[in-house]
Amino acid sequence: MNDTGLRRRGRERDDGPAVAARRAALVLALGGLLAVLDTTVTVVALPRVVADLGTTLPVGQWITTGYLLGIVAVIPVAGWAAARWGARHTYVAAVVVFGLASLAAALAPEIGWLVAARVVQGLGGGLLNPVGQAIALRSVGRDQRGRVMALLGLPVLVGPVLGPPLSGLLVDQASWRWIFAINAPLGAAVVALCLRLVPRQAPEPDRPPLDLVGLLLLPPGATLLVVAAAEVGRDGQVGARAVLALMVALALLAVFVRHALCSRRPLVDLRLLAHGPLAHGLAVLACFGAAYFGGMSVLPVVVQGVRGDSALVAGLLTLPQAVATGLTLQVATRAVDRCDPRRVVRLGVALGAIGSLALLLAVRGEASYAVLGAAGALVGVGSGCTLMPAMTMAVRDLDGHRTPAGTTLLALGQQLASALGTAVVAVALTLLVAASTPGLDGGLEAMLALEPKRREALQGSLANGAGAAYAAVLLGMTAAVWLAARLPRGR
């Protein structure tokens, strides 16, 4: 055999583990797609679900908030579960739980059943990203982590592109129930591929015990914190229930922080926040994530409630933002392997803030759909430069057991911030629309049921109220810009 053939075979042997790791990462990304799809499809379907089940928008928003809270509750046990039963077994079990809960959501006869099913969906979906990231990151060296994170970020491209139009099509042509039922065949495919291509990982012999005290403190505290924000949306006032929920939440979280700092094996290792890049990256992710995911609920309400168009139109209008996010993410996550990641993140949060300001002005000014799509695309470019690059920057200097612990901490912080942002923006949207249209009894629910002539007469006031909700989004983006300017340099 000549020298060229020998070199080729040598490269193939050297690249074998990397190729296998990339294949496994693609399968894990497909599982992550399930979780992303079930965030984006409900954004477009929410107005129709509210009308069909006879509930209010703040209550209906719990189909999104409940899902996020399920994720928040289960993320802290992701590392323990993977160590106890093996990462691949944990991942497959999570997909199965997610699929079964999706079927339960599709059959929901009333809002309480639907919210409960969504919480269980979150319990399954919440394990997919941290366990999947830990499997993938452990299989490659530090210099390859940016490329693997780019593959794991594919759901951010496919999910937002596919989710809203698919949701709009199913809602208009069939029923909102199909947006959940479709997860069953997708989940079955992911399980089959995972068993074939993702390597088995044995349980760890020195696995840590489950921190039961932390489990009794953190998930209830996080849940009550979001409940306190959502309670304000019931009557527009800070009532006794909201104050009580906030006080109990803060007490539980304060006790958890003390417990986590003193425990040898805490549920979430807060001592990792002493690692500068992780702490600052988490702060940026929390502020940007709260604003970004909270703002996703505004545009569909504008399209369907203010302008009276269909769910499919609302879904299609999110395409520019989704495509921009995914395409930018694939470039940005590779760029952090070659240049200072702080520059990428700073550019991203700045573009996100500018895009949010443009959306605020465009909605209030009743701009065309082309202008709204362009503003959304700018936000998408910002998110593509921020979300996964900031996470990569935060964890790429970690090693050993600190890698899964760091990804768990980041995922928990981002999901909790997203749940809070979703609740706060929903409350702001409800209150601002009601304040802009004092003659419209019933707020957003009445707006969604308006006759065309009545809607046209109120369109200016409705647009002002809905557009003003982007002020809450812009506030979070501005905080992210301030924090990104202070990111420390990694090793």
Foldseek 3Di string as FASTA:
>chain_A
DDPVVVVVVVVCVVCVLVVLLLLLLLLLLLLLLLVLLQLQLCLLCQLVQCVVQVHASLLSLLLNLLLLLLLLLQLLCLQLVCQAANLLVLLLVLLVQLLVLLLQLLVDPHSVSNSVSSSSNSVSSSNSVLSSLVLSVVSDALLCSLVSLLSSCLSLQVNLQPRQLVSLCCVVPPNNSVSSNVSNVSSVVSSVSSVVRRDTGGRHPPRDDAPVLLSVQRSLLLVLQLVLLSVCLPPVDNDPSSVVSNVSSVVSVVVSVVCLVPDPDHSANPVLCVQQLLVLLLLLLLLLLLLVLQVSNLQSLCVCQQVNDGSNVSSVLLNLLSNLQSVLLSVQSNVVSPDFLLVLLLVLLVLLLVLLVQLLVCLLVVHDSVSNSVSSNSNSNSNSSHNSSSLSSNQSPDDDPVNSSSSSVSSSSNSSSNSNSNSNLSSQLQVLLCVLCVVQPPGSSSSSVDDPVVSVVCSNSNSNSSSCSSVSSSVSSVSSSVSSVVRDGDD
